[in-house]
Amino acid sequence: MKKLVFASFLGLSMAGCASSQDVSEVSQDEVSEPIQTFIEDVKEENGVHLYYDGTKAIYVYFNASNVKQGEEASHFSDVKVEEEGNTVKVLYSREEMSDDSNENIDYELLYKIETDDSYENLKLFENGKEVSFGTVSGNE
């Protein structure tokens, strides 16, 4: 219930944000302390997590670093952001694999979406299917 209430708040508070987005992958070392703390708080949870920074930026943390015994590893790729009317869509691919020892694959990704105009919705799509964020948090 808390997530639903916060998501509603997030939708309302983002009414002053973006139709034009600047998207970039960023290093966890490059972000402010509140965002680093958020990542540490959700690091044990695989999934896609959203942090709304009140300075007109949204951070999307992709985490697949926790592989449990007997489960297949997965990783994220093809992260894109698209605008459709008053909706911003975050699209990505998630692929499962039997071997998690590939050192060339990043199991954690952090993207920053800078916004400068208004939109009402932010939607997440995994392999073309709409999904929910694992965690939603932020500041004003």
N, C-alpha and C. Protein backbone atom coordinates (compact mmCIF):
# COMPACT_ATOMS: atom_id res chain seq x y z
N MET A 1 0.82 -1.19 0.00
CA MET A 1 0.00 0.00 0.00
C MET A 1 0.86 1.26 0.00
N LYS A 2 1.98 1.23 0.80
CA LYS A 2 2.87 2.38 0.84
C LYS A 2 3.41 2.70 -0.55
N LYS A 3 3.78 1.63 -1.30
CA LYS A 3 4.32 1.83 -2.64
C LYS A 3 3.29 2.49 -3.54
N LEU A 4 2.03 2.06 -3.43
CA LEU A 4 0.97 2.62 -4.26
C LEU A 4 0.75 4.09 -3.93
N VAL A 5 0.73 4.42 -2.65
CA VAL A 5 0.53 5.81 -2.24
C VAL A 5 1.70 6.66 -2.73
N PHE A 6 2.93 6.15 -2.54
CA PHE A 6 4.08 6.92 -2.98
C PHE A 6 4.11 7.06 -4.50
N ALA A 7 3.73 6.00 -5.21
CA ALA A 7 3.70 6.07 -6.67
C ALA A 7 2.71 7.13 -7.13
N SER A 8 1.56 7.22 -6.44
CA SER A 8 0.58 8.26 -6.77
C SER A 8 1.16 9.64 -6.51
N PHE A 9 1.85 9.78 -5.36
CA PHE A 9 2.51 11.04 -5.02
C PHE A 9 3.56 11.38 -6.07
N LEU A 10 4.32 10.36 -6.47
CA LEU A 10 5.36 10.56 -7.46
C LEU A 10 4.76 11.06 -8.76
N GLY A 11 3.67 10.46 -9.19
CA GLY A 11 3.03 10.89 -10.42
C GLY A 11 2.58 12.33 -10.35
N LEU A 12 2.03 12.73 -9.21
CA LEU A 12 1.59 14.10 -9.05
C LEU A 12 2.76 15.06 -8.96
N SER A 13 3.80 14.68 -8.23
CA SER A 13 4.93 15.60 -8.04
C SER A 13 5.76 15.72 -9.30
N MET A 14 5.63 14.79 -10.23
CA MET A 14 6.40 14.87 -11.46
C MET A 14 5.68 15.69 -12.52
N ALA A 15 4.57 16.28 -12.17
CA ALA A 15 3.82 17.05 -13.15
C ALA A 15 4.63 18.23 -13.68
N GLY A 16 5.66 18.65 -12.97
CA GLY A 16 6.52 19.73 -13.45
C GLY A 16 7.73 19.23 -14.18
N CYS A 17 7.80 17.96 -14.49
CA CYS A 17 8.99 17.39 -15.14
C CYS A 17 8.77 17.27 -16.64
N ALA A 18 9.14 16.46 -17.41
CA ALA A 18 9.72 16.34 -18.72
C ALA A 18 9.03 15.81 -19.94
N SER A 19 9.16 16.46 -21.01
CA SER A 19 8.86 15.83 -22.28
C SER A 19 10.14 15.66 -23.07
N SER A 20 11.18 16.26 -22.61
CA SER A 20 12.49 16.12 -23.23
C SER A 20 13.43 15.51 -22.21
N GLN A 21 13.96 14.34 -22.52
CA GLN A 21 14.80 13.65 -21.56
C GLN A 21 16.22 13.52 -22.08
N ASP A 22 17.17 13.69 -21.16
CA ASP A 22 18.56 13.41 -21.43
C ASP A 22 18.88 12.18 -20.59
N VAL A 23 19.24 11.07 -21.24
CA VAL A 23 19.43 9.80 -20.57
C VAL A 23 20.89 9.39 -20.66
N SER A 24 21.46 8.98 -19.52
CA SER A 24 22.84 8.52 -19.55
C SER A 24 23.05 7.47 -18.47
N GLU A 25 23.94 6.53 -18.80
CA GLU A 25 24.35 5.57 -17.78
C GLU A 25 25.39 6.26 -16.92
N VAL A 26 25.25 6.14 -15.60
CA VAL A 26 26.17 6.80 -14.68
C VAL A 26 26.76 5.77 -13.72
N SER A 27 27.89 6.11 -13.18
CA SER A 27 28.55 5.26 -12.19
C SER A 27 27.94 5.53 -10.82
N GLN A 28 27.83 4.50 -10.02
CA GLN A 28 27.30 4.67 -8.67
C GLN A 28 28.18 5.60 -7.84
N ASP A 29 29.46 5.69 -8.19
CA ASP A 29 30.39 6.57 -7.48
C ASP A 29 30.17 8.03 -7.82
N GLU A 30 29.49 8.32 -8.93
CA GLU A 30 29.31 9.70 -9.40
C GLU A 30 28.07 10.38 -8.84
N VAL A 31 27.21 9.65 -8.16
CA VAL A 31 25.94 10.22 -7.72
C VAL A 31 26.03 10.69 -6.28
N SER A 32 25.06 11.49 -5.87
CA SER A 32 25.06 12.06 -4.53
C SER A 32 24.82 10.99 -3.46
N GLU A 33 25.11 11.36 -2.24
CA GLU A 33 25.00 10.42 -1.12
C GLU A 33 23.59 9.86 -0.93
N PRO A 34 22.52 10.67 -1.07
CA PRO A 34 21.18 10.07 -0.92
C PRO A 34 20.89 8.97 -1.94
N ILE A 35 21.39 9.13 -3.15
CA ILE A 35 21.16 8.12 -4.18
C ILE A 35 22.01 6.89 -3.89
N GLN A 36 23.24 7.08 -3.44
CA GLN A 36 24.08 5.95 -3.05
C GLN A 36 23.45 5.17 -1.89
N THR A 37 22.86 5.88 -0.94
CA THR A 37 22.19 5.24 0.19
C THR A 37 20.99 4.43 -0.30
N PHE A 38 20.22 5.00 -1.22
CA PHE A 38 19.08 4.28 -1.80
C PHE A 38 19.55 2.99 -2.44
N ILE A 39 20.61 3.05 -3.23
CA ILE A 39 21.13 1.85 -3.90
C ILE A 39 21.55 0.81 -2.86
N GLU A 40 22.24 1.24 -1.82
CA GLU A 40 22.65 0.31 -0.76
C GLU A 40 21.43 -0.34 -0.11
N ASP A 41 20.36 0.43 0.07
CA ASP A 41 19.14 -0.08 0.71
C ASP A 41 18.44 -1.15 -0.13
N VAL A 42 18.54 -1.06 -1.47
CA VAL A 42 17.84 -2.02 -2.34
C VAL A 42 18.78 -3.01 -3.01
N LYS A 43 20.04 -2.96 -2.69
CA LYS A 43 21.05 -3.80 -3.35
C LYS A 43 20.78 -5.30 -3.22
N GLU A 44 20.11 -5.72 -2.17
CA GLU A 44 19.81 -7.14 -1.96
C GLU A 44 18.58 -7.60 -2.73
N GLU A 45 17.89 -6.67 -3.39
CA GLU A 45 16.66 -6.99 -4.12
C GLU A 45 16.91 -6.89 -5.63
N ASN A 46 16.83 -8.01 -6.32
CA ASN A 46 16.91 -7.96 -7.78
C ASN A 46 15.69 -7.23 -8.31
N GLY A 47 15.88 -6.54 -9.41
CA GLY A 47 14.76 -5.86 -10.04
C GLY A 47 15.16 -4.48 -10.51
N VAL A 48 14.17 -3.68 -10.85
CA VAL A 48 14.38 -2.33 -11.33
C VAL A 48 13.78 -1.38 -10.30
N HIS A 49 14.60 -0.46 -9.83
CA HIS A 49 14.22 0.42 -8.73
C HIS A 49 14.31 1.89 -9.19
N LEU A 50 13.38 2.70 -8.74
CA LEU A 50 13.27 4.09 -9.16
C LEU A 50 13.57 5.03 -8.00
N TYR A 51 14.43 6.01 -8.26
CA TYR A 51 14.69 7.07 -7.28
C TYR A 51 14.41 8.40 -7.97
N TYR A 52 13.46 9.15 -7.43
CA TYR A 52 13.11 10.45 -7.98
C TYR A 52 13.87 11.51 -7.20
N ASP A 53 14.78 12.19 -7.88
CA ASP A 53 15.56 13.26 -7.26
C ASP A 53 14.85 14.57 -7.57
N GLY A 54 14.51 15.32 -6.56
CA GLY A 54 13.74 16.55 -6.72
C GLY A 54 14.40 17.59 -7.60
N THR A 55 15.64 17.37 -8.01
CA THR A 55 16.32 18.34 -8.88
C THR A 55 16.06 18.05 -10.35
N LYS A 56 14.90 17.50 -10.64
CA LYS A 56 14.49 17.19 -12.02
C LYS A 56 15.33 16.09 -12.65
N ALA A 57 15.64 15.09 -11.86
CA ALA A 57 16.32 13.91 -12.39
C ALA A 57 15.69 12.67 -11.79
N ILE A 58 15.67 11.62 -12.57
CA ILE A 58 15.15 10.33 -12.13
C ILE A 58 16.29 9.34 -12.31
N TYR A 59 16.50 8.51 -11.30
CA TYR A 59 17.53 7.48 -11.39
C TYR A 59 16.84 6.13 -11.43
N VAL A 60 17.24 5.30 -12.38
CA VAL A 60 16.69 3.95 -12.51
C VAL A 60 17.84 2.98 -12.29
N TYR A 61 17.71 2.18 -11.23
CA TYR A 61 18.75 1.23 -10.84
C TYR A 61 18.31 -0.18 -11.23
N PHE A 62 19.06 -0.80 -12.12
CA PHE A 62 18.80 -2.16 -12.57
C PHE A 62 19.73 -3.09 -11.79
N ASN A 63 19.16 -4.06 -11.08
CA ASN A 63 19.98 -4.95 -10.26
C ASN A 63 19.62 -6.40 -10.52
N ALA A 64 20.62 -7.17 -10.95
CA ALA A 64 20.46 -8.62 -11.13
C ALA A 64 21.66 -9.33 -10.51
N SER A 65 22.23 -8.72 -9.48
CA SER A 65 23.48 -9.22 -8.90
C SER A 65 23.28 -10.33 -7.87
N ASN A 66 22.06 -10.60 -7.48
CA ASN A 66 21.79 -11.60 -6.44
C ASN A 66 21.22 -12.87 -7.07
N VAL A 67 22.08 -13.85 -7.24
CA VAL A 67 21.66 -15.11 -7.84
C VAL A 67 21.56 -16.15 -6.72
N LYS A 68 20.37 -16.68 -6.54
CA LYS A 68 20.15 -17.70 -5.51
C LYS A 68 20.46 -19.08 -6.07
N GLN A 69 20.87 -19.95 -5.18
CA GLN A 69 21.19 -21.33 -5.56
C GLN A 69 20.02 -21.95 -6.32
N GLY A 70 20.28 -22.49 -7.49
CA GLY A 70 19.25 -23.14 -8.29
C GLY A 70 18.52 -22.23 -9.26
N GLU A 71 18.72 -20.92 -9.15
CA GLU A 71 18.07 -19.99 -10.06
C GLU A 71 19.04 -19.59 -11.17
N GLU A 72 18.49 -19.20 -12.30
CA GLU A 72 19.32 -18.72 -13.39
C GLU A 72 19.66 -17.26 -13.17
N ALA A 73 20.84 -16.89 -13.61
CA ALA A 73 21.25 -15.49 -13.55
C ALA A 73 20.57 -14.74 -14.68
N SER A 74 20.47 -13.44 -14.53
CA SER A 74 19.94 -12.62 -15.61
C SER A 74 20.71 -11.32 -15.66
N HIS A 75 20.56 -10.62 -16.78
CA HIS A 75 21.18 -9.31 -16.91
C HIS A 75 20.30 -8.44 -17.79
N PHE A 76 20.58 -7.14 -17.76
CA PHE A 76 19.78 -6.15 -18.47
C PHE A 76 20.56 -5.61 -19.66
N SER A 77 19.82 -5.24 -20.71
CA SER A 77 20.45 -4.62 -21.88
C SER A 77 19.41 -3.78 -22.61
N ASP A 78 19.87 -3.08 -23.61
CA ASP A 78 19.00 -2.29 -24.50
C ASP A 78 18.08 -1.33 -23.75
N VAL A 79 18.63 -0.62 -22.78
CA VAL A 79 17.83 0.34 -22.02
C VAL A 79 17.58 1.57 -22.89
N LYS A 80 16.29 1.94 -23.02
CA LYS A 80 15.89 3.09 -23.82
C LYS A 80 14.81 3.85 -23.06
N VAL A 81 14.73 5.12 -23.37
CA VAL A 81 13.65 5.95 -22.83
C VAL A 81 12.93 6.59 -24.00
N GLU A 82 11.61 6.47 -24.00
CA GLU A 82 10.79 7.04 -25.07
C GLU A 82 9.69 7.89 -24.45
N GLU A 83 9.26 8.87 -25.21
CA GLU A 83 8.15 9.71 -24.81
C GLU A 83 6.96 9.40 -25.71
N GLU A 84 5.79 9.27 -25.09
CA GLU A 84 4.56 9.07 -25.86
C GLU A 84 3.49 9.93 -25.21
N GLY A 85 3.22 11.07 -25.79
CA GLY A 85 2.25 11.99 -25.21
C GLY A 85 2.75 12.49 -23.87
N ASN A 86 1.94 12.28 -22.83
CA ASN A 86 2.33 12.73 -21.50
C ASN A 86 2.96 11.60 -20.67
N THR A 87 3.48 10.57 -21.36
CA THR A 87 4.04 9.40 -20.69
C THR A 87 5.50 9.21 -21.11
N VAL A 88 6.34 8.97 -20.13
CA VAL A 88 7.72 8.58 -20.38
C VAL A 88 7.80 7.08 -20.15
N LYS A 89 8.38 6.37 -21.12
CA LYS A 89 8.52 4.92 -21.02
C LYS A 89 9.99 4.56 -20.89
N VAL A 90 10.28 3.72 -19.91
CA VAL A 90 11.62 3.15 -19.76
C VAL A 90 11.49 1.71 -20.25
N LEU A 91 12.22 1.40 -21.31
CA LEU A 91 12.16 0.07 -21.92
C LEU A 91 13.52 -0.61 -21.78
N TYR A 92 13.50 -1.92 -21.56
CA TYR A 92 14.75 -2.66 -21.46
C TYR A 92 14.51 -4.13 -21.77
N SER A 93 15.61 -4.82 -22.03
CA SER A 93 15.56 -6.27 -22.20
C SER A 93 16.18 -6.92 -20.98
N ARG A 94 15.60 -8.02 -20.57
CA ARG A 94 16.16 -8.82 -19.49
C ARG A 94 16.33 -10.22 -20.04
N GLU A 95 17.54 -10.72 -19.93
CA GLU A 95 17.85 -12.02 -20.49
C GLU A 95 18.37 -12.94 -19.39
N GLU A 96 17.86 -14.16 -19.38
CA GLU A 96 18.34 -15.15 -18.42
C GLU A 96 19.48 -15.93 -19.04
N MET A 97 20.36 -16.40 -18.18
CA MET A 97 21.50 -17.19 -18.64
C MET A 97 21.88 -18.19 -17.56
N SER A 98 22.46 -19.29 -17.97
CA SER A 98 22.77 -20.34 -17.01
C SER A 98 24.09 -20.11 -16.28
N ASP A 99 24.94 -19.24 -16.80
CA ASP A 99 26.25 -19.01 -16.20
C ASP A 99 26.38 -17.54 -15.81
N ASP A 100 26.61 -17.28 -14.52
CA ASP A 100 26.73 -15.90 -14.05
C ASP A 100 28.19 -15.47 -13.86
N SER A 101 29.12 -16.24 -14.42
CA SER A 101 30.54 -15.93 -14.21
C SER A 101 31.14 -15.07 -15.33
N ASN A 102 30.34 -14.62 -16.28
CA ASN A 102 30.84 -13.79 -17.37
C ASN A 102 31.22 -12.42 -16.84
N GLU A 103 32.50 -12.11 -16.85
CA GLU A 103 32.99 -10.84 -16.31
C GLU A 103 32.68 -9.65 -17.21
N ASN A 104 32.26 -9.89 -18.44
CA ASN A 104 31.96 -8.81 -19.37
C ASN A 104 30.53 -8.29 -19.25
N ILE A 105 29.76 -8.89 -18.39
CA ILE A 105 28.36 -8.49 -18.23
C ILE A 105 28.21 -7.72 -16.92
N ASP A 106 27.55 -6.58 -17.00
CA ASP A 106 27.24 -5.80 -15.80
C ASP A 106 25.90 -6.26 -15.26
N TYR A 107 25.89 -6.69 -14.02
CA TYR A 107 24.66 -7.15 -13.39
C TYR A 107 23.95 -6.01 -12.65
N GLU A 108 24.61 -4.85 -12.60
CA GLU A 108 24.02 -3.66 -12.01
C GLU A 108 24.24 -2.50 -12.98
N LEU A 109 23.17 -1.77 -13.27
CA LEU A 109 23.25 -0.60 -14.12
C LEU A 109 22.51 0.54 -13.44
N LEU A 110 22.99 1.75 -13.62
CA LEU A 110 22.32 2.92 -13.07
C LEU A 110 22.19 3.95 -14.19
N TYR A 111 20.95 4.37 -14.44
CA TYR A 111 20.69 5.37 -15.47
C TYR A 111 20.10 6.61 -14.83
N LYS A 112 20.51 7.74 -15.36
CA LYS A 112 19.99 9.03 -14.94
C LYS A 112 19.17 9.60 -16.09
N ILE A 113 17.95 9.99 -15.78
CA ILE A 113 17.07 10.61 -16.77
C ILE A 113 16.85 12.04 -16.30
N GLU A 114 17.41 12.99 -17.03
CA GLU A 114 17.21 14.40 -16.69
C GLU A 114 15.97 14.88 -17.42
N THR A 115 15.13 15.59 -16.70
CA THR A 115 13.86 16.02 -17.27
C THR A 115 13.75 17.53 -17.21
N ASP A 116 13.06 18.11 -18.18
CA ASP A 116 12.96 19.57 -18.20
C ASP A 116 11.58 20.09 -18.62
N ASP A 117 10.59 19.23 -18.65
CA ASP A 117 9.26 19.65 -19.07
C ASP A 117 8.25 18.82 -18.29
N SER A 118 7.01 18.79 -18.69
CA SER A 118 6.02 18.08 -17.87
C SER A 118 5.52 16.80 -18.53
N TYR A 119 5.28 15.81 -17.70
CA TYR A 119 4.61 14.59 -18.11
C TYR A 119 3.87 14.05 -16.89
N GLU A 120 2.92 13.18 -17.13
CA GLU A 120 2.08 12.70 -16.03
C GLU A 120 2.39 11.28 -15.62
N ASN A 121 2.98 10.48 -16.50
CA ASN A 121 3.17 9.06 -16.21
C ASN A 121 4.59 8.63 -16.52
N LEU A 122 5.04 7.65 -15.75
CA LEU A 122 6.32 7.00 -16.00
C LEU A 122 6.03 5.51 -15.98
N LYS A 123 6.29 4.83 -17.10
CA LYS A 123 5.99 3.40 -17.20
C LYS A 123 7.25 2.62 -17.50
N LEU A 124 7.27 1.38 -17.03
CA LEU A 124 8.43 0.50 -17.16
C LEU A 124 8.03 -0.71 -17.99
N PHE A 125 8.87 -1.06 -18.99
CA PHE A 125 8.58 -2.19 -19.87
C PHE A 125 9.79 -3.12 -19.93
N GLU A 126 9.56 -4.39 -19.56
CA GLU A 126 10.58 -5.43 -19.64
C GLU A 126 10.24 -6.35 -20.79
N ASN A 127 11.15 -6.45 -21.75
CA ASN A 127 10.93 -7.29 -22.93
C ASN A 127 9.57 -7.01 -23.58
N GLY A 128 9.18 -5.73 -23.62
CA GLY A 128 7.94 -5.32 -24.27
C GLY A 128 6.69 -5.40 -23.41
N LYS A 129 6.79 -5.95 -22.19
CA LYS A 129 5.63 -6.10 -21.31
C LYS A 129 5.73 -5.10 -20.16
N GLU A 130 4.63 -4.40 -19.90
CA GLU A 130 4.64 -3.43 -18.80
C GLU A 130 4.77 -4.15 -17.46
N VAL A 131 5.70 -3.65 -16.63
CA VAL A 131 5.96 -4.21 -15.31
C VAL A 131 6.03 -3.08 -14.30
N SER A 132 6.12 -3.44 -13.03
CA SER A 132 6.21 -2.46 -11.95
C SER A 132 7.64 -2.31 -11.47
N PHE A 133 7.95 -1.14 -10.95
CA PHE A 133 9.23 -0.94 -10.30
C PHE A 133 9.25 -1.74 -9.00
N GLY A 134 10.41 -2.29 -8.65
CA GLY A 134 10.54 -3.03 -7.40
C GLY A 134 10.40 -2.12 -6.20
N THR A 135 11.04 -0.96 -6.27
CA THR A 135 11.02 0.03 -5.20
C THR A 135 10.91 1.41 -5.83
N VAL A 136 10.15 2.29 -5.19
CA VAL A 136 10.05 3.67 -5.62
C VAL A 136 10.36 4.54 -4.42
N SER A 137 11.29 5.47 -4.59
CA SER A 137 11.68 6.35 -3.48
C SER A 137 12.11 7.68 -4.07
N GLY A 138 12.51 8.61 -3.21
CA GLY A 138 13.01 9.88 -3.69
C GLY A 138 12.98 10.96 -2.67
N ASN A 139 13.28 12.17 -3.12
CA ASN A 139 13.25 13.35 -2.28
C ASN A 139 12.58 14.48 -3.04
N GLU A 140 12.43 15.59 -2.38
CA GLU A 140 11.77 16.73 -3.04
C GLU A 140 12.78 17.81 -3.33
